[in-house]
Amino acid sequence: MGGVFDRRAVLWGGTATVAAVASAAQAGSGKSTARPGFLWGSAGAAYQIEGGNYASDLWVMEHVKPTIFKDPSGDAADSYNRVWEDIALAASLGFNTHRFSIEWSRIEPEPGQISLAGIAYYRRVLETIRKHGMTPFVTYNHFTTPRWFAAAGGFETRDNIPAFVRYCTLITEHLGDLIGVASTFNEPNLGALVSWSPAIRPLRPYIEMSKKAAAASIGAAHWAPPVLGDFRIQQPIMIEAHERAYEAIRKASNDRYLVGVTLSLNDERAPPSGPSGVEAKQAQVMLPWLQAQGDFIGVQNYTYTEVGPDADLPAPKGVELSQMGYPAAPEALEAVIRTVARHTRKPIYVTENGVATEDDTRRVAFIDKAVAGVVDCLRDGIDVRGYIHWSLLDNWEWFSGYGPKFGLVAVDRTTFARTPKPSARHMGAIARKGLPAGVKSR
């Protein structure tokens, strides 16, 4: 058995003005009170698109036996060399923001060894996003960590928090003058979320076998890559790491931009009959993070789940499934936004939303229904400040490899040529038009 699973597959069982962008980019001293208007854009994660991130924890796990990865990431979409093309493409579609992550292992490949070339590279990325009139939406950590960090126990060890805080401080000191909005972590609640999936449970022995093989390959006594860590141990440590990093970023940036956290959230539904565990699941998966410090909540939603008393239930028969095996449910986004808004007064950004499908007409329909839900939330006074589609490019989708197609843009696996799909232009047209008349974000 290959033991392959995916972070999303296991879950089932406006336009900003040039003036606002320029104001947010100012690097002078003093707190900036300006913020961009409603953000429209697309996203990517460094490890999934850059390629060659061999100093990262997951690179180790891709190359051991047994592995839980369908395909090695390899060159990914070669975005490390083609990011300039990708940014220009995103801007040409009409987007006013671009969400991307900084790969910690490129900045600090060994503990305390800082790559000035890595910092300079991401500075050029930020400058290019700004040059194209877009607001950079930066994720400080999108799942992967340097292999030395995972080998030291990752976020299963509280003593490792200072290393993450130092990294966030370093990035802010060198790049903060160009950042528009930022999140400390991408989906740090994912482990808690997938723990409710019955699909993950039979795979745990294979995951542990793969982790042991990775630990042995580099001589690690406590190998804990965060994306595969024990959430019961990690979650309180990561919340503390987030809060301490949040304070460090605010201080180093002089409160120049909003800093929050993005969360993986399903539309949790009670089953048609029988007991429901919705409240218990939300108390474990969502509420601890909504209560943590931060300036906003990033909502990342793809589907819904029916929740039994102690586990998610299988997807209902007859519903349309995405390539990930869960319901393709664009209406779930509106429900999740409303749920979050009931539990916090923090602003909300939709930082990921999309569908894995080869049929691009279904992606167009998905986008239309999801965006309509966002607009309805705005009409009801919910403070939603942006919609960022996942993803710009077809990319390496973690444990599922190169099979699922989330992108607005196709990537040739041999030449790396980018080809925008009809959905890219459709999403771009929505961004150019902006919010409907009379509908405003706060």
Protein backbone atom coordinates (compact mmCIF):
# COMPACT_ATOMS: atom_id res chain seq x y z
CA MET A 1 0.00 0.00 0.00
CA GLY A 2 1.35 3.40 -0.97
CA GLY A 3 -0.26 5.08 2.03
CA VAL A 4 -1.05 8.20 -0.02
CA PHE A 5 -3.49 10.70 1.45
CA ASP A 6 -4.05 14.41 1.08
CA ARG A 7 -4.72 17.26 3.44
CA ARG A 8 -8.03 17.97 1.67
CA ALA A 9 -8.95 14.47 0.48
CA VAL A 10 -9.23 13.21 4.06
CA LEU A 11 -11.72 15.88 5.06
CA TRP A 12 -14.85 14.16 3.81
CA GLY A 13 -15.18 10.17 5.35
CA GLY A 14 -14.01 46.43 -5.09
CA THR A 15 -10.75 46.77 -6.56
CA ALA A 16 -8.10 48.54 -4.46
CA THR A 17 -7.12 51.98 -5.61
CA VAL A 18 -3.61 52.82 -6.70
CA ALA A 19 -3.46 55.38 -3.91
CA ALA A 20 -4.29 52.79 -1.27
CA VAL A 21 -1.67 50.40 -2.57
CA ALA A 22 0.96 53.14 -2.70
CA SER A 23 0.08 54.27 0.80
CA ALA A 24 0.36 50.74 2.17
CA ALA A 25 3.77 50.41 0.54
CA GLN A 26 5.26 53.42 2.28
CA ALA A 27 8.21 52.42 4.45
CA GLY A 28 8.47 55.49 6.62
CA SER A 29 8.42 55.37 10.39
CA GLY A 30 5.15 55.54 12.30
CA LYS A 31 2.07 53.37 12.20
CA SER A 32 0.29 53.19 8.86
CA THR A 33 -3.46 53.54 9.17
CA ALA A 34 -4.06 52.99 5.45
CA ARG A 35 -5.14 49.58 4.25
CA PRO A 36 -5.97 48.28 0.79
CA GLY A 37 -9.56 48.03 -0.37
CA PHE A 38 -11.28 44.73 -1.13
CA LEU A 39 -8.67 42.27 -2.32
CA TRP A 40 -9.17 40.01 -5.32
CA GLY A 41 -6.49 37.53 -6.23
CA SER A 42 -5.05 34.05 -6.34
CA ALA A 43 -2.55 32.16 -4.24
CA GLY A 44 0.33 29.73 -4.19
CA ALA A 45 2.65 28.16 -1.62
CA ALA A 46 6.42 28.15 -2.05
CA TYR A 47 6.90 24.41 -1.58
CA GLN A 48 4.12 23.54 -4.01
CA ILE A 49 5.34 25.69 -6.89
CA GLU A 50 8.99 26.72 -6.50
CA GLY A 51 10.70 23.34 -6.83
CA GLY A 52 14.01 22.22 -5.38
CA ASN A 53 13.24 22.99 -1.73
CA TYR A 54 15.65 20.25 -0.63
CA ALA A 55 16.41 21.82 2.78
CA SER A 56 12.77 21.39 3.85
CA ASP A 57 11.33 18.68 6.09
CA LEU A 58 8.96 17.27 3.48
CA TRP A 59 11.76 16.86 0.93
CA VAL A 60 13.21 14.29 3.32
CA MET A 61 9.89 12.46 3.58
CA GLU A 62 9.38 12.42 -0.17
CA HIS A 63 12.60 10.44 -0.64
CA VAL A 64 12.37 7.68 1.97
CA LYS A 65 10.76 4.26 1.85
CA PRO A 66 7.92 3.91 2.57
CA THR A 67 6.71 7.29 1.40
CA ILE A 68 3.22 8.68 1.73
CA PHE A 69 3.63 10.93 -1.31
CA LYS A 70 2.19 9.94 -4.67
CA ASP A 71 4.81 11.99 -6.55
CA PRO A 72 7.99 13.76 -5.46
CA SER A 73 7.73 17.54 -5.74
CA GLY A 74 10.92 17.81 -7.80
CA ASP A 75 10.89 20.95 -9.89
CA ALA A 76 7.24 21.58 -8.98
CA ALA A 77 6.06 24.36 -11.33
CA ASP A 78 9.59 25.82 -11.53
CA SER A 79 8.21 29.02 -10.06
CA TYR A 80 11.48 29.78 -8.32
CA ASN A 81 12.77 30.72 -11.79
CA ARG A 82 9.46 31.78 -13.32
CA VAL A 83 7.87 33.75 -10.48
CA TRP A 84 8.25 36.98 -12.44
CA GLU A 85 6.15 35.49 -15.22
CA ASP A 86 3.58 34.24 -12.71
CA ILE A 87 3.24 37.62 -11.02
CA ALA A 88 2.84 39.41 -14.35
CA LEU A 89 0.22 36.86 -15.38
CA ALA A 90 -1.75 37.33 -12.15
CA ALA A 91 -1.67 41.11 -12.60
CA SER A 92 -2.72 40.84 -16.25
CA LEU A 93 -5.85 38.99 -15.21
CA GLY A 94 -6.95 42.00 -13.15
CA PHE A 95 -6.05 40.89 -9.63
CA ASN A 96 -5.01 43.47 -7.05
CA THR A 97 -3.38 41.06 -4.59
CA HIS A 98 -1.08 38.08 -4.77
CA ARG A 99 -0.78 35.62 -1.90
CA PHE A 100 2.46 33.68 -1.61
CA SER A 101 4.62 32.13 1.08
CA ILE A 102 8.24 32.48 2.06
CA GLU A 103 10.11 29.18 2.36
CA TRP A 104 11.82 29.22 5.74
CA SER A 105 14.37 26.61 4.64
CA ARG A 106 15.63 28.94 1.89
CA ILE A 107 16.17 31.67 4.47
CA GLU A 108 17.70 29.52 7.22
CA PRO A 109 18.91 26.19 5.73
CA GLU A 110 20.85 25.44 8.92
CA PRO A 111 20.13 26.83 12.39
CA GLY A 112 21.49 30.36 12.59
CA GLN A 113 22.83 30.28 9.03
CA ILE A 114 20.95 33.05 7.25
CA SER A 115 20.92 33.18 3.46
CA LEU A 116 21.18 36.81 2.39
CA ALA A 117 20.61 35.62 -1.17
CA GLY A 118 17.34 34.03 -0.05
CA ILE A 119 16.21 37.26 1.58
CA ALA A 120 17.19 39.22 -1.53
CA TYR A 121 15.23 36.81 -3.72
CA TYR A 122 11.99 37.28 -1.79
CA ARG A 123 12.58 41.02 -1.70
CA ARG A 124 12.63 41.00 -5.50
CA VAL A 125 9.40 38.99 -5.44
CA LEU A 126 7.74 41.59 -3.23
CA GLU A 127 9.06 44.46 -5.32
CA THR A 128 7.72 42.82 -8.47
CA ILE A 129 4.27 42.34 -6.94
CA ARG A 130 4.28 46.02 -5.95
CA LYS A 131 5.49 47.08 -9.38
CA HIS A 132 2.47 45.37 -10.91
CA GLY A 133 0.13 47.32 -8.63
CA MET A 134 -0.80 44.41 -6.38
CA THR A 135 -0.81 44.11 -2.60
CA PRO A 136 1.53 41.34 -1.38
CA PHE A 137 -0.27 38.95 0.96
CA VAL A 138 2.53 37.03 2.68
CA THR A 139 2.40 33.73 4.55
CA TYR A 140 5.40 33.41 6.85
CA ASN A 141 5.01 29.63 7.16
CA HIS A 142 2.99 27.44 4.79
CA PHE A 143 3.30 23.93 6.29
CA THR A 144 6.98 23.22 5.61
CA THR A 145 9.91 23.97 7.93
CA PRO A 146 13.67 23.52 7.63
CA ARG A 147 14.65 19.89 8.12
CA TRP A 148 16.76 20.86 11.14
CA PHE A 149 13.65 22.32 12.81
CA ALA A 150 11.64 19.14 12.26
CA ALA A 151 14.61 17.09 13.47
CA ALA A 152 14.61 19.10 16.70
CA GLY A 153 10.97 18.18 17.40
CA GLY A 154 9.26 20.91 15.38
CA PHE A 155 6.20 22.37 17.05
CA GLU A 156 5.88 19.32 19.27
CA THR A 157 8.62 20.93 21.37
CA ARG A 158 7.89 24.22 23.09
CA ASP A 159 11.61 25.10 23.24
CA ASN A 160 11.52 25.55 19.45
CA ILE A 161 9.15 28.54 19.59
CA PRO A 162 11.99 31.11 19.81
CA ALA A 163 13.48 29.84 16.53
CA PHE A 164 10.20 30.54 14.73
CA VAL A 165 9.85 33.96 16.36
CA ARG A 166 13.41 34.87 15.33
CA TYR A 167 12.64 33.83 11.76
CA CYS A 168 9.48 35.96 11.66
CA THR A 169 11.37 38.91 13.14
CA LEU A 170 14.15 38.55 10.57
CA ILE A 171 11.71 38.47 7.66
CA THR A 172 9.87 41.51 8.99
CA GLU A 173 13.04 43.53 9.53
CA HIS A 174 14.26 42.81 5.99
CA LEU A 175 11.01 42.69 4.03
CA GLY A 176 8.28 44.25 6.14
CA ASP A 177 8.34 47.58 4.33
CA LEU A 178 6.92 45.83 1.25
CA ILE A 179 4.39 43.47 2.85
CA GLY A 180 0.71 44.44 2.57
CA VAL A 181 -1.04 41.81 4.71
CA ALA A 182 0.48 38.77 6.42
CA SER A 183 -0.34 35.55 8.20
CA THR A 184 1.99 33.74 10.56
CA PHE A 185 0.79 30.21 9.76
CA ASN A 186 -1.19 28.55 7.02
CA GLU A 187 -3.85 26.22 8.42
CA PRO A 188 -2.23 25.36 11.76
CA ASN A 189 -5.54 23.78 12.75
CA LEU A 190 -5.38 21.19 9.97
CA GLY A 191 -4.26 18.34 12.20
CA ALA A 192 -7.26 18.83 14.46
CA LEU A 193 -9.57 19.01 11.44
CA VAL A 194 -8.39 15.80 9.77
CA SER A 195 -8.42 13.94 13.10
CA TRP A 196 -12.21 13.81 12.68
CA SER A 197 -11.94 12.05 9.33
CA PRO A 198 -12.37 8.26 9.40
CA ALA A 199 -10.25 8.11 6.24
CA ILE A 200 -7.12 9.19 8.11
CA ARG A 201 -7.30 6.58 10.84
CA PRO A 202 -6.23 3.46 8.88
CA LEU A 203 -3.39 5.48 7.33
CA ARG A 204 -1.77 6.46 10.61
CA PRO A 205 0.49 3.36 10.79
CA TYR A 206 1.89 4.16 7.34
CA ILE A 207 2.42 7.79 8.26
CA GLU A 208 4.33 6.73 11.37
CA MET A 209 6.42 4.27 9.35
CA SER A 210 7.34 7.02 6.91
CA LYS A 211 8.20 9.44 9.72
CA LYS A 212 10.45 6.84 11.35
CA ALA A 213 12.21 6.24 8.03
CA ALA A 214 12.76 9.99 7.62
CA ALA A 215 14.09 10.31 11.17
CA ALA A 216 16.51 7.43 10.62
CA SER A 217 17.71 8.89 7.31
CA ILE A 218 19.02 12.05 9.00
CA GLY A 219 19.65 10.73 12.49
CA ALA A 220 16.82 12.66 14.19
CA ALA A 221 15.76 11.55 17.66
CA HIS A 222 12.42 13.40 17.49
CA TRP A 223 11.30 13.98 13.91
CA ALA A 224 8.17 16.15 13.79
CA PRO A 225 7.32 17.90 10.52
CA PRO A 226 4.41 20.17 11.50
CA VAL A 227 2.08 19.05 8.73
CA LEU A 228 2.32 15.48 10.11
CA GLY A 229 2.70 16.27 13.80
CA ASP A 230 0.46 15.25 16.69
CA PHE A 231 -2.09 18.05 16.85
CA ARG A 232 -2.87 17.32 20.50
CA ILE A 233 0.70 18.28 21.34
CA GLN A 234 1.23 20.85 18.60
CA GLN A 235 -1.89 22.99 18.80
CA PRO A 236 -1.20 24.79 22.11
CA ILE A 237 2.47 25.20 21.15
CA MET A 238 1.57 26.61 17.74
CA ILE A 239 -0.95 28.99 19.25
CA GLU A 240 1.76 30.31 21.56
CA ALA A 241 4.21 30.47 18.64
CA HIS A 242 1.65 32.40 16.58
CA GLU A 243 0.96 34.89 19.38
CA ARG A 244 4.63 35.49 20.12
CA ALA A 245 5.40 35.86 16.41
CA TYR A 246 2.43 38.20 16.03
CA GLU A 247 3.82 40.49 18.71
CA ALA A 248 7.32 40.32 17.22
CA ILE A 249 6.05 41.17 13.73
CA ARG A 250 3.98 44.08 15.02
CA LYS A 251 7.01 45.46 16.85
CA ALA A 252 9.47 44.98 14.00
CA SER A 253 7.04 46.46 11.45
CA ASN A 254 5.79 49.25 13.71
CA ASP A 255 2.25 47.97 13.10
CA ARG A 256 2.58 48.69 9.39
CA TYR A 257 0.27 45.88 8.24
CA LEU A 258 -2.38 43.50 9.50
CA VAL A 259 -1.17 40.13 10.81
CA GLY A 260 -3.48 37.17 11.27
CA VAL A 261 -3.72 33.43 10.79
CA THR A 262 -5.42 31.35 8.09
CA LEU A 263 -7.59 28.38 9.06
CA SER A 264 -8.83 25.29 7.26
CA LEU A 265 -12.57 25.25 7.90
CA ASN A 266 -15.33 23.06 6.55
CA ASP A 267 -18.99 23.91 6.65
CA GLU A 268 -19.79 21.56 9.53
CA ARG A 269 -23.32 20.19 9.26
CA ALA A 270 -25.42 18.04 11.54
CA PRO A 271 -26.46 14.75 9.89
CA PRO A 272 -30.08 14.35 8.76
CA SER A 273 -30.66 11.99 11.67
CA GLY A 274 -28.78 10.90 14.75
CA PRO A 275 -26.48 12.79 17.12
CA SER A 276 -24.13 15.51 15.89
CA GLY A 277 -20.62 16.43 16.96
CA VAL A 278 -20.56 19.82 15.25
CA GLU A 279 -20.10 21.85 18.43
CA ALA A 280 -17.44 19.51 19.79
CA LYS A 281 -15.55 19.62 16.49
CA GLN A 282 -15.68 23.40 16.25
CA ALA A 283 -14.49 23.69 19.86
CA GLN A 284 -11.45 21.63 18.95
CA VAL A 285 -10.72 22.81 15.42
CA MET A 286 -11.81 26.45 15.21
CA LEU A 287 -12.49 28.23 18.50
CA PRO A 288 -8.97 28.08 20.02
CA TRP A 289 -7.61 29.90 16.99
CA LEU A 290 -10.39 32.47 16.82
CA GLN A 291 -9.60 33.35 20.42
CA ALA A 292 -5.87 33.77 19.76
CA GLN A 293 -4.31 37.18 19.13
CA GLY A 294 -4.45 38.50 15.61
CA ASP A 295 -5.83 41.25 13.41
CA PHE A 296 -7.92 39.05 11.10
CA ILE A 297 -8.99 35.49 10.33
CA GLY A 298 -8.15 33.93 6.99
CA VAL A 299 -10.93 31.55 5.96
CA GLN A 300 -9.90 28.61 3.78
CA ASN A 301 -12.82 26.50 2.66
CA TYR A 302 -13.47 23.89 -0.02
CA THR A 303 -16.31 21.69 1.15
CA TYR A 304 -18.73 20.68 3.87
CA THR A 305 -18.86 17.68 6.18
CA GLU A 306 -21.67 15.99 8.02
CA VAL A 307 -20.40 15.38 11.55
CA GLY A 308 -21.38 12.42 13.67
CA PRO A 309 -20.88 12.37 17.44
CA ASP A 310 -17.15 11.62 17.23
CA ALA A 311 -16.22 11.52 13.54
CA ASP A 312 -17.12 12.90 10.13
CA LEU A 313 -19.59 10.86 8.10
CA PRO A 314 -19.06 9.74 4.48
CA ALA A 315 -20.11 12.12 1.75
CA PRO A 316 -23.80 11.77 0.91
CA LYS A 317 -24.55 9.61 -2.12
CA GLY A 318 -25.21 11.36 -5.39
CA VAL A 319 -23.41 14.64 -4.69
CA GLU A 320 -20.79 16.01 -7.06
CA LEU A 321 -17.29 15.21 -5.83
CA SER A 322 -14.10 17.05 -6.67
CA GLN A 323 -10.89 15.27 -7.66
CA MET A 324 -10.10 15.21 -3.96
CA GLY A 325 -13.04 12.90 -3.24
CA TYR A 326 -15.11 15.33 -1.17
CA PRO A 327 -18.23 17.31 -2.17
CA ALA A 328 -17.62 20.22 -4.53
CA ALA A 329 -19.61 22.73 -2.52
CA PRO A 330 -19.12 26.44 -3.34
CA GLU A 331 -22.05 27.35 -1.06
CA ALA A 332 -20.03 26.09 1.91
CA LEU A 333 -17.88 29.23 1.87
CA GLU A 334 -20.75 31.55 2.79
CA ALA A 335 -21.77 29.25 5.63
CA VAL A 336 -18.24 29.19 7.03
CA ILE A 337 -17.87 32.97 6.83
CA ARG A 338 -21.10 33.37 8.77
CA THR A 339 -19.98 30.82 11.36
CA VAL A 340 -16.67 32.61 11.91
CA ALA A 341 -18.44 35.98 12.10
CA ARG A 342 -20.71 34.67 14.85
CA HIS A 343 -17.69 33.81 16.99
CA THR A 344 -15.37 36.77 16.39
CA ARG A 345 -15.47 40.42 15.45
CA LYS A 346 -12.17 40.21 13.62
CA PRO A 347 -12.15 41.06 9.91
CA ILE A 348 -12.24 38.08 7.54
CA TYR A 349 -10.24 37.44 4.40
CA VAL A 350 -11.08 34.47 2.20
CA THR A 351 -7.51 33.32 1.71
CA GLU A 352 -8.26 30.04 -0.10
CA ASN A 353 -11.29 28.75 -1.97
CA GLY A 354 -11.47 26.62 -5.09
CA VAL A 355 -12.12 23.22 -6.59
CA ALA A 356 -9.96 20.42 -7.99
CA THR A 357 -11.36 19.47 -11.39
CA GLU A 358 -10.31 18.84 -14.98
CA ASP A 359 -13.60 20.39 -16.13
CA ASP A 360 -12.95 24.11 -16.11
CA THR A 361 -16.62 24.91 -16.66
CA ARG A 362 -17.22 23.49 -13.18
CA ARG A 363 -14.53 25.80 -11.80
CA VAL A 364 -16.26 28.79 -13.39
CA ALA A 365 -19.58 27.75 -11.84
CA PHE A 366 -17.86 27.16 -8.48
CA ILE A 367 -16.30 30.63 -8.50
CA ASP A 368 -19.59 32.32 -9.36
CA LYS A 369 -21.49 30.67 -6.52
CA ALA A 370 -18.70 31.17 -3.98
CA VAL A 371 -18.28 34.86 -4.80
CA ALA A 372 -22.05 35.37 -4.69
CA GLY A 373 -21.97 34.01 -1.15
CA VAL A 374 -19.22 36.45 -0.19
CA VAL A 375 -21.27 39.34 -1.57
CA ASP A 376 -24.32 38.21 0.41
CA CYS A 377 -22.20 38.24 3.57
CA LEU A 378 -21.05 41.77 2.80
CA ARG A 379 -24.65 42.87 2.24
CA ASP A 380 -25.45 41.59 5.71
CA GLY A 381 -22.68 43.69 7.24
CA ILE A 382 -20.04 40.98 7.75
CA ASP A 383 -16.55 42.43 7.55
CA VAL A 384 -15.09 40.45 4.65
CA ARG A 385 -12.09 42.14 3.05
CA GLY A 386 -11.03 39.90 0.21
CA TYR A 387 -11.46 36.78 -1.89
CA ILE A 388 -8.31 34.91 -2.90
CA HIS A 389 -8.74 31.90 -5.15
CA TRP A 390 -6.73 28.71 -4.71
CA SER A 391 -4.76 28.49 -6.81
CA LEU A 392 -3.11 30.49 -9.56
CA LEU A 393 -1.26 27.47 -10.95
CA ASP A 394 -1.87 23.77 -11.21
CA ASN A 395 0.73 22.62 -8.70
CA TRP A 396 2.07 19.81 -6.53
CA GLU A 397 -0.84 19.05 -4.24
CA TRP A 398 1.01 17.59 -1.28
CA PHE A 399 0.34 13.88 -0.75
CA SER A 400 -1.76 13.62 -3.92
CA GLY A 401 1.11 14.77 -6.11
CA TYR A 402 0.35 16.27 -9.51
CA GLY A 403 -3.07 14.69 -10.02
CA PRO A 404 -5.55 17.27 -8.67
CA LYS A 405 -6.00 20.41 -10.73
CA PHE A 406 -6.87 23.47 -8.65
CA GLY A 407 -5.26 26.08 -10.89
CA LEU A 408 -6.65 28.90 -12.94
CA VAL A 409 -3.57 28.34 -15.07
CA ALA A 410 -2.39 25.01 -16.48
CA VAL A 411 1.31 24.16 -16.23
CA ASP A 412 2.94 21.83 -18.76
CA ARG A 413 4.81 19.20 -16.75
CA THR A 414 7.64 19.03 -19.33
CA THR A 415 8.15 22.60 -20.54
CA PHE A 416 6.54 24.43 -17.58
CA ALA A 417 4.64 26.59 -20.06
CA ARG A 418 1.75 28.45 -18.46
CA THR A 419 -1.65 28.42 -20.17
CA PRO A 420 -4.50 30.40 -18.61
CA LYS A 421 -7.78 28.51 -18.52
CA PRO A 422 -11.14 30.19 -19.25
CA SER A 423 -11.68 30.30 -15.47
CA ALA A 424 -8.63 32.56 -15.13
CA ARG A 425 -10.14 35.20 -17.36
CA HIS A 426 -13.52 34.69 -15.71
CA MET A 427 -12.07 35.27 -12.25
CA GLY A 428 -10.12 38.21 -13.60
CA ALA A 429 -13.28 39.78 -15.00
CA ILE A 430 -14.91 39.52 -11.57
CA ALA A 431 -11.87 41.20 -10.01
CA ARG A 432 -11.84 44.01 -12.57
CA LYS A 433 -15.54 44.69 -12.08
CA GLY A 434 -15.15 44.68 -8.30
CA LEU A 435 -17.93 44.56 -5.78
CA PRO A 436 -21.49 45.28 -6.97
CA ALA A 437 -22.77 48.82 -6.67
CA GLY A 438 -23.86 49.59 -3.16
CA VAL A 439 -21.86 46.73 -1.64
CA LYS A 440 -18.75 47.83 0.21
CA SER A 441 -16.20 46.24 2.48
CA ARG A 442 -15.43 48.02 5.73
